[in-house]
Protein backbone atom coordinates (compact mmCIF):
# COMPACT_ATOMS: atom_id res chain seq x y z
CA MET A 1 85.46 31.29 28.02
CA PRO A 2 86.44 33.75 25.34
CA GLU A 3 87.86 36.48 27.70
CA GLU A 4 89.57 35.69 30.80
CA ASP A 5 89.98 38.21 33.64
CA GLY A 6 92.39 38.13 36.61
CA VAL A 7 91.68 40.42 39.52
CA GLY A 8 93.40 41.02 42.82
CA TYR A 9 91.83 39.73 45.91
CA GLY A 10 89.35 41.98 47.30
CA ALA A 11 88.57 43.30 43.75
CA GLY A 12 84.91 43.08 44.50
CA LEU A 13 85.18 45.79 47.21
CA GLU A 14 83.68 49.18 46.23
CA SER A 15 84.42 52.67 47.59
CA ARG A 16 81.77 54.00 49.99
CA THR A 17 82.23 57.41 48.75
CA ARG A 18 79.57 57.64 45.96
CA CYS A 19 79.00 59.86 42.94
CA HIS A 20 75.55 60.33 41.31
CA PRO A 21 75.04 58.41 38.13
CA ILE A 22 75.90 60.30 34.83
CA ARG A 23 72.57 60.74 33.16
CA VAL A 24 72.76 60.15 29.43
CA LEU A 25 70.01 61.37 27.00
CA VAL A 26 70.11 59.13 24.05
CA LEU A 27 68.92 60.60 20.73
CA TYR A 28 68.57 58.81 17.40
CA ASP A 29 67.70 59.95 13.91
CA ASP A 30 65.50 58.35 11.20
CA SER A 31 68.46 56.60 9.61
CA ALA A 32 69.45 54.96 12.70
CA LEU A 33 65.78 53.76 13.26
CA ALA A 34 65.63 52.38 9.69
CA PHE A 35 68.91 50.50 10.45
CA ASP A 36 67.75 49.24 13.81
CA PRO A 37 63.86 49.21 14.35
CA ASN A 38 64.42 48.31 17.98
CA ILE A 39 66.77 51.29 18.56
CA VAL A 40 65.12 52.32 21.83
CA ALA A 41 65.72 49.02 23.33
CA THR A 42 69.26 48.90 21.79
CA SER A 43 69.94 52.17 23.25
CA ARG A 44 69.31 51.00 26.87
CA ARG A 45 71.15 47.77 26.28
CA VAL A 46 74.22 49.68 25.09
CA VAL A 47 74.46 51.92 28.10
CA THR A 48 74.11 48.87 30.38
CA GLY A 49 76.94 47.20 28.30
CA VAL A 50 79.04 50.34 28.82
CA ASN A 51 78.59 50.12 32.48
CA ASP A 52 79.65 46.35 32.39
CA ILE A 53 82.85 47.48 30.72
CA LEU A 54 83.51 50.12 33.37
CA ARG A 55 82.92 47.49 36.14
CA VAL A 56 85.11 44.84 34.64
CA SER A 57 87.92 47.52 34.09
CA GLY A 58 87.82 48.39 37.69
CA ALA A 59 85.85 51.43 37.82
CA PHE A 60 83.05 50.95 40.33
CA SER A 61 79.54 52.21 40.24
CA SER A 62 80.42 54.32 43.23
CA GLN A 63 82.89 56.15 41.20
CA VAL A 64 81.38 56.40 37.70
CA SER A 65 78.11 54.99 36.23
CA PHE A 66 75.92 55.79 33.33
CA GLN A 67 72.07 55.97 33.53
CA VAL A 68 69.66 56.44 30.69
CA ALA A 69 67.81 59.72 31.09
CA ASN A 70 65.43 59.04 28.16
CA VAL A 71 65.61 57.76 24.56
CA LEU A 72 64.13 60.14 21.86
CA PRO A 73 64.15 60.74 18.07
CA PHE A 74 65.96 63.75 16.80
CA ASN A 75 66.92 64.71 13.23
CA ILE A 76 69.56 66.86 11.80
CA ASN A 77 70.73 67.56 8.35
CA GLN A 78 73.98 65.54 8.19
CA THR A 79 76.73 67.31 6.35
CA GLY A 80 79.04 64.09 5.96
CA ASP A 81 81.59 65.82 8.29
CA PRO A 82 81.48 64.21 11.77
CA GLU A 83 83.20 67.30 13.33
CA ASN A 84 80.58 69.71 11.78
CA ASP A 85 77.77 67.53 12.90
CA ARG A 86 79.04 67.27 16.38
CA ASP A 87 79.62 71.03 16.74
CA PHE A 88 76.09 71.59 15.54
CA MET A 89 74.75 69.28 18.22
CA GLU A 90 76.78 71.00 20.95
CA THR A 91 75.49 74.51 19.99
CA ASN A 92 71.86 73.63 19.01
CA ASN A 93 69.27 75.23 21.23
CA THR A 94 66.78 72.50 20.79
CA VAL A 95 69.31 69.91 21.81
CA SER A 96 70.25 72.03 24.89
CA ASP A 97 66.38 72.42 25.75
CA LEU A 98 66.19 68.56 25.58
CA ARG A 99 68.99 68.13 27.69
CA THR A 100 67.54 70.57 30.37
CA THR A 101 64.05 69.00 30.24
CA ASN A 102 65.47 65.43 30.60
CA ALA A 103 68.06 66.47 33.44
CA ALA A 104 70.77 64.91 31.32
CA ASP A 105 74.52 65.37 31.91
CA LEU A 106 75.60 63.98 28.47
CA ILE A 107 74.00 63.22 25.13
CA LEU A 108 74.79 60.17 23.04
CA TYR A 109 73.39 60.50 19.52
CA PHE A 110 73.04 57.52 17.08
CA VAL A 111 72.94 58.13 13.35
CA ASN A 112 73.51 55.85 10.48
CA ALA A 113 76.34 58.04 9.16
CA SER A 114 78.64 58.08 6.09
CA TRP A 115 81.87 59.52 7.71
CA GLY A 116 84.34 57.80 5.60
CA GLY A 117 85.62 55.30 8.19
CA VAL A 118 84.98 57.41 11.40
CA LEU A 119 82.75 55.38 13.65
CA GLY A 120 82.19 57.93 16.43
CA ILE A 121 83.26 61.33 17.54
CA ALA A 122 83.27 63.24 20.76
CA ASN A 123 85.42 66.25 22.37
CA LEU A 124 87.47 66.00 25.41
CA ALA A 125 86.52 68.75 27.89
CA GLU A 126 86.56 69.23 31.67
CA ASP A 127 84.33 72.29 32.04
CA GLY A 128 80.91 70.83 31.00
CA THR A 129 80.74 72.65 27.51
CA ARG A 130 81.37 69.55 25.59
CA VAL A 131 78.70 66.92 26.23
CA VAL A 132 77.76 65.19 22.98
CA ALA A 133 79.13 61.87 21.69
CA MET A 134 77.96 60.72 18.20
CA VAL A 135 78.12 56.98 17.12
CA ASP A 136 77.47 55.52 13.73
CA ALA A 137 74.50 53.09 14.49
CA SER A 138 75.82 50.58 11.92
CA VAL A 139 78.90 49.69 13.99
CA ILE A 140 79.65 47.80 17.27
CA LEU A 141 77.44 50.18 19.43
CA THR A 142 78.57 49.22 23.00
CA ARG A 143 82.29 49.28 22.24
CA VAL A 144 82.31 52.55 20.19
CA SER A 145 79.85 54.26 22.66
CA ALA A 146 82.06 53.34 25.55
CA HIS A 147 85.15 54.86 23.66
CA GLU A 148 83.30 58.09 22.95
CA LEU A 149 81.72 58.36 26.41
CA GLY A 150 85.26 57.98 27.72
CA HIS A 151 86.35 60.98 25.71
CA LEU A 152 83.62 63.04 27.50
CA LEU A 153 85.34 61.95 30.69
CA SER A 154 88.61 63.19 29.39
CA CYS A 155 90.03 59.77 28.47
CA ARG A 156 92.54 59.83 25.51
CA HIS A 157 93.80 57.67 22.76
CA GLU A 158 97.18 56.11 23.10
CA SER A 159 100.16 58.44 23.80
CA ALA A 160 101.53 58.11 20.36
CA ALA A 161 98.25 59.48 18.79
CA ASP A 162 97.60 62.01 21.59
CA PRO A 163 100.67 62.93 23.64
CA THR A 164 98.65 65.33 25.75
CA GLY A 165 98.04 64.37 29.46
CA PRO A 166 100.29 62.72 32.06
CA PHE A 167 98.32 59.31 32.37
CA GLU A 168 94.92 59.11 30.82
CA HIS A 169 95.99 57.06 27.75
CA ALA A 170 94.91 53.86 26.05
CA TYR A 171 97.42 50.93 26.36
CA ASP A 172 98.98 48.37 23.94
CA PHE A 173 100.21 45.02 25.23
CA LYS A 174 100.64 41.44 24.31
CA THR A 175 99.22 38.12 25.69
CA GLY A 176 100.08 34.51 25.01
CA CYS A 177 103.22 32.51 24.94
CA LYS A 178 106.03 33.09 22.39
CA PRO A 179 106.25 32.81 19.55
CA PHE A 180 102.33 33.20 19.35
CA ARG A 181 102.05 36.51 21.22
CA SER A 182 98.88 38.46 20.28
CA ASP A 183 98.66 42.23 20.20
CA ARG A 184 95.94 43.75 22.41
CA ASN A 185 94.60 47.37 22.63
CA THR A 186 92.42 48.84 25.30
CA ILE A 187 89.08 50.43 24.35
CA MET A 188 90.28 53.94 24.08
CA TRP A 189 92.74 52.89 21.13
CA SER A 190 92.49 55.25 18.19
CA ALA A 191 91.43 52.61 15.67
CA LEU A 192 88.88 49.85 16.12
CA THR A 193 90.47 46.52 15.25
CA ASN A 194 90.18 42.85 16.31
CA ASN A 195 92.94 43.62 18.86
CA VAL A 196 90.68 45.89 20.92
CA ILE A 197 89.38 44.48 24.05
CA ASN A 198 86.38 45.66 26.14
CA ARG A 199 88.62 47.22 28.92
CA PHE A 200 89.68 50.78 29.87
CA SER A 201 93.31 50.77 30.55
CA ASN A 202 94.19 49.96 34.34
CA PRO A 203 97.53 48.77 35.72
CA LEU A 204 95.77 47.09 38.59
CA ARG A 205 93.82 44.69 36.46
CA THR A 206 94.99 41.90 34.15
CA TYR A 207 93.65 40.35 30.79
CA LYS A 208 94.91 36.81 30.15
CA ASP A 209 97.45 37.21 32.99
CA GLU A 210 98.94 40.53 31.63
CA PRO A 211 98.19 43.97 33.14
CA TYR A 212 96.50 46.19 30.74
CA GLY A 213 97.76 49.55 31.88
CA THR A 214 100.78 51.44 33.40
CA THR A 215 101.19 54.48 35.60
CA VAL A 216 101.10 56.59 32.40
CA GLU A 217 98.40 54.60 30.57
CA ASP A 218 95.53 54.38 33.03
CA ASN A 219 92.08 55.32 31.77
CA VAL A 220 90.29 54.06 34.88
CA ARG A 221 92.13 56.62 37.08
CA GLN A 222 90.66 59.41 34.90
CA LEU A 223 87.33 57.97 34.92
CA ARG A 224 87.29 57.71 38.76
CA ALA A 225 88.58 61.26 38.82
CA ARG A 226 85.96 62.74 36.46
CA GLY A 227 82.92 60.53 37.35
CA CYS A 228 81.47 62.75 40.18
CA ALA A 229 82.37 66.02 38.31
CA VAL A 230 80.49 64.97 35.06
CA ALA A 231 77.60 63.62 37.17
CA SER A 232 77.18 67.15 38.43
CA TYR A 233 76.54 68.80 35.13
CA ASP A 234 72.77 68.65 35.72
CA ASP A 235 71.31 67.22 38.80
CA ASN A 236 67.94 68.78 38.58
CA ASN A 237 64.64 66.91 38.07
CA GLY A 238 66.23 63.62 37.83
CA PRO A 239 64.93 60.38 39.59
CA PRO A 240 65.80 59.93 43.34
CA ILE A 241 69.37 59.19 43.79
CA VAL A 242 69.82 55.49 44.57
CA THR A 243 73.28 54.02 45.37
CA ALA A 244 74.05 50.41 46.12
CA PHE A 245 76.83 47.95 46.83
CA ILE A 246 77.03 44.17 47.07
CA ASP A 247 77.92 42.76 50.40
CA GLY A 248 79.48 39.29 50.42
CA PRO A 249 82.64 37.19 49.98
CA ASP A 250 85.30 38.01 47.34
CA LEU A 251 86.78 34.38 47.83
CA LEU A 252 84.84 31.09 47.99
CA CYS A 253 86.05 27.59 47.95
CA ALA A 254 85.54 26.03 44.51
CA CYS A 255 81.97 24.82 43.82
CA THR A 256 80.75 26.16 47.11
CA GLN A 257 77.84 28.47 47.72
CA ASP A 258 77.19 31.68 49.82
CA ASP A 259 74.74 34.65 49.82
CA LEU A 260 75.17 38.15 48.30
CA THR A 261 72.97 40.88 49.53
CA VAL A 262 72.73 44.41 47.89
CA GLN A 263 72.85 47.21 50.38
CA VAL A 264 70.80 50.10 49.10
CA SER A 265 70.66 53.78 50.04
CA CYS A 266 67.58 55.66 48.72
CA PRO A 267 64.61 57.89 49.79
CA PRO A 268 62.37 56.30 52.26
CA GLY A 269 59.42 54.54 50.67
CA LEU A 270 60.76 54.31 47.18
CA PRO A 271 59.49 50.96 45.70
CA LEU A 272 62.38 49.08 44.21
CA THR A 273 62.84 45.86 41.97
CA PHE A 274 65.91 43.99 41.66
CA GLU A 275 67.40 41.79 38.76
CA TRP A 276 70.45 39.56 39.45
CA ARG A 277 72.53 38.13 36.51
CA GLN A 278 75.75 35.95 36.44
CA SER A 279 78.70 36.26 34.00
CA SER A 280 81.97 34.37 33.50
CA ASP A 281 83.67 37.31 31.85
CA GLY A 282 82.19 40.39 33.34
CA ILE A 283 80.68 41.53 30.01
CA ASN A 284 78.14 38.91 28.73
CA TYR A 285 75.51 38.31 31.28
CA GLY A 286 72.99 35.51 31.54
CA PRO A 287 69.23 35.66 32.35
CA VAL A 288 67.75 36.99 35.46
CA TYR A 289 68.07 34.31 38.21
CA GLY A 290 67.14 36.43 41.32
CA THR A 291 64.80 39.23 42.02
CA SER A 292 65.23 39.76 45.82
CA GLU A 293 67.83 41.82 47.88
CA THR A 294 69.67 38.64 48.68
CA VAL A 295 70.58 35.75 46.39
CA SER A 296 72.54 32.41 46.71
CA VAL A 297 75.37 32.45 44.47
CA SER A 298 78.08 29.69 43.48
CA ALA A 299 81.76 30.08 43.07
CA PRO A 300 83.41 28.56 39.97
CA CYS A 301 84.57 24.84 40.22
CA VAL A 302 88.14 25.58 38.94
CA GLU A 303 90.54 27.29 41.46
CA GLY A 304 91.37 30.80 40.53
CA GLU A 305 88.63 31.29 37.96
CA ILE A 306 86.18 34.24 38.46
CA PHE A 307 82.32 34.65 38.27
CA TRP A 308 80.64 38.13 38.10
CA TYR A 309 77.40 38.90 39.77
CA ARG A 310 75.41 42.07 38.73
CA VAL A 311 72.33 43.35 40.31
CA GLN A 312 70.34 46.17 38.53
CA ILE A 313 67.93 48.18 40.63
CA PHE A 314 64.72 49.63 39.09
CA ASP A 315 61.94 51.92 40.33
CA ALA A 316 58.21 51.21 39.89
CA ASN A 317 58.11 52.38 36.38
CA GLY A 318 61.05 50.19 35.24
CA GLN A 319 63.60 53.00 35.22
CA LEU A 320 67.05 51.63 35.90
CA LEU A 321 68.40 53.48 38.86
CA THR A 322 71.70 52.06 39.58
CA THR A 323 73.79 48.90 39.15
CA SER A 324 76.24 47.18 41.32
CA VAL A 325 78.66 44.38 40.36
CA LYS A 326 80.80 41.92 42.42
CA SER A 327 83.35 39.39 41.37
CA ILE A 328 83.89 36.11 43.28
CA MET A 329 87.05 34.03 42.78
CA ALA A 330 87.29 30.32 43.48
CA ASN A 331 89.94 30.45 46.23
CA PRO A 332 93.09 28.57 45.15
CA PHE A 333 93.55 25.84 47.86
CA TRP A 334 97.22 26.93 48.18
CA VAL A 335 96.30 30.43 49.40
CA PRO A 336 97.49 30.87 52.93
CA GLY A 337 94.86 31.73 55.69
CA PRO A 338 92.64 30.07 58.23
CA ASN A 339 89.90 29.22 55.68
CA ALA A 340 92.03 27.49 53.14
CA CYS A 341 89.83 25.13 50.97
CA GLN A 342 90.31 21.38 50.95
CA GLN A 343 91.27 19.91 47.81
CA LEU A 344 89.11 16.88 46.83
CA ILE A 345 90.76 14.18 44.57
CA LEU A 346 89.35 11.00 43.15
CA SER A 347 90.93 7.72 42.67
CA ARG A 348 90.46 5.49 39.71
CA GLU A 349 88.02 3.49 41.89
CA GLU A 350 86.07 6.95 42.69
CA ARG A 351 86.83 6.57 46.24
CA PHE A 352 87.71 9.80 47.70
CA GLN A 353 90.91 11.08 49.28
CA ARG A 354 90.72 14.54 50.92
CA PHE A 355 93.81 16.78 51.40
CA PHE A 356 93.55 19.55 53.90
CA PRO A 357 96.41 22.11 53.62
CA ALA A 358 97.35 24.59 56.34
CA VAL A 359 99.92 26.60 54.39
CA SER A 360 100.65 29.01 57.11
CA SER A 361 101.91 26.10 59.56
CA GLY A 362 103.20 23.73 56.91
CA VAL A 363 101.12 20.92 58.26
CA PHE A 364 98.98 18.81 55.91
CA THR A 365 96.31 16.33 56.76
CA LEU A 366 95.49 13.44 54.47
CA GLU A 367 92.22 11.43 54.77
CA LEU A 368 91.68 8.24 53.09
CA ASN A 369 88.37 6.50 53.28
CA ASP A 370 88.82 3.30 51.44
CA LEU A 371 91.44 1.67 53.73
CA LYS A 372 91.41 -1.67 55.39
CA LEU A 373 92.98 -2.11 58.69
CA SER A 374 95.22 -4.84 57.12
CA ASP A 375 96.63 -2.34 54.68
CA GLU A 376 100.14 -1.12 55.17
CA LEU A 377 101.10 2.29 53.61
CA VAL A 378 104.43 3.66 52.67
CA PHE A 379 104.54 7.58 51.89
CA THR A 380 107.12 9.12 49.72
CA VAL A 381 107.39 12.88 49.13
CA THR A 382 109.56 14.09 46.16
CA SER A 383 110.18 17.40 44.55
CA SER A 384 109.49 18.36 40.96
CA SER A 385 113.22 17.66 40.32
CA GLY A 386 112.85 14.11 41.71
CA ALA A 387 114.70 14.61 44.98
CA SER A 388 113.22 12.50 47.86
CA PHE A 389 112.48 14.35 51.26
CA VAL A 390 110.41 11.70 53.10
CA SER A 391 110.65 7.87 52.23
CA ASN A 392 109.87 4.52 53.53
CA GLN A 393 107.79 5.96 56.38
CA SER A 394 105.26 3.35 57.31
CA VAL A 395 102.01 4.54 58.89
CA ASP A 396 99.42 2.45 60.72
CA PRO A 397 95.89 4.07 59.61
CA GLY A 398 94.23 2.90 62.69
CA SER A 399 90.37 3.55 62.66
CA GLN A 400 90.60 7.22 61.59
CA HIS A 401 92.19 6.75 58.22
CA THR A 402 93.98 10.13 58.61
CA PHE A 403 97.68 11.23 58.45
CA GLN A 404 99.50 14.35 59.07
CA PHE A 405 102.71 15.63 57.36
CA ASN A 406 104.78 18.54 58.49
CA PHE A 407 106.39 20.24 55.45
CA SER A 408 107.42 23.50 57.16
CA ASP A 409 111.21 22.87 56.50
CA LEU A 410 110.69 22.61 52.64
CA LEU A 411 111.27 25.33 50.33
CA PRO A 412 108.24 26.62 48.37
CA GLY A 413 107.60 24.64 45.32
CA MET A 414 105.68 21.65 43.87
CA TYR A 415 105.92 18.40 45.48
CA LEU A 416 104.55 14.81 44.76
CA LEU A 417 103.07 12.86 47.76
CA THR A 418 102.75 9.16 46.89
CA SER A 419 101.21 6.45 49.05
CA GLN A 420 102.03 3.00 48.32
CA ARG A 421 99.70 0.37 49.84
CA THR A 422 100.11 -3.29 50.09
CA LYS A 423 97.33 -6.05 49.61
CA PRO A 424 97.51 -5.17 46.57
CA VAL A 425 99.97 -2.41 45.80
CA LYS A 426 98.38 1.02 44.82
CA PHE A 427 99.66 4.40 44.04
CA ILE A 428 97.78 7.54 44.80
CA LYS A 429 99.15 10.91 43.64
CA LEU A 430 98.09 14.09 45.27
């Protein structure tokens, strides 16, 4: 998995206070069409990708979400100066009329530009007067588009490049083990390098076990604060407002299954269709595997890993109305709680031994299914430093083949439980 995410428990829960989606009118010129003959499909895919980046960064669809209002051709005489071209788009009456006709809040304009290394441009504004983001169609569209749309929601570069603002900045951090630490930058970083990750800064989320934000570098906080306001720039003539959230567990035992159901709020009688997809990183989603309101999903088979599930909701004409995403973590078996998962362990003979931890009480149950009544077992418990805590304790397995151990007096840490059985002697490490 190229990108690993860590999220806190309950990270799949969304706020029930919901904003309208931010409607984006995508325009493209002849040069962008020549570079990408499938620019219309690409445009819709880019906006979906920006939403995926928002979700994996911790900005839920209830707080900020983009929706394609339309994709249309539009040409200007490029000047070679991105600021001039952007300002022309901001003040052009035809552009303003297109925005009104399509009930769009923002405009995303793709051109195959020659801007001398500038990949995209947008203004920061909080009064609705700056609504255009321009992106060079020859670059990594989704990442650059997310960056420029972030500016239109008042997200800023790193504080060294833009000291204005108390907290809405990009973040620089390191991942990995010394001396092989790697530099990482969140998506609002001023320069697009190989160090930039598809995340808006957020101190409550982790990337490769490292938080990618601080209290003064928190783009997601700004996105949440601005989402409803930007979505209200133009609420006329748009499609019916549809909101949704996915109801289901945030934690599952490894390799187990459960159901997810999307709860939809929409005008009565509105025909809807659903497309469910799964991702292992929250960015790259696989093919459609479910088209109903409820689907059966699986947890990862490695404790602590995360799967992401996304449902897109369309109207009868195929217009994407809203998207909801939920993450499910394979519950680490050591997590306390009444539903702690059992750990399944195989011996060399592929006969199973099951270990049931009840961390809150300190009592653990061991079940061995391949014992003979003539076997005699001696259990030994040692710490990671080699200290022995229980030794030479013989247990008659009887007919149930189950054993209980009370470890409530032990300090937190890693322990080795060894069972030595006679006739012949075997060792099982749990």
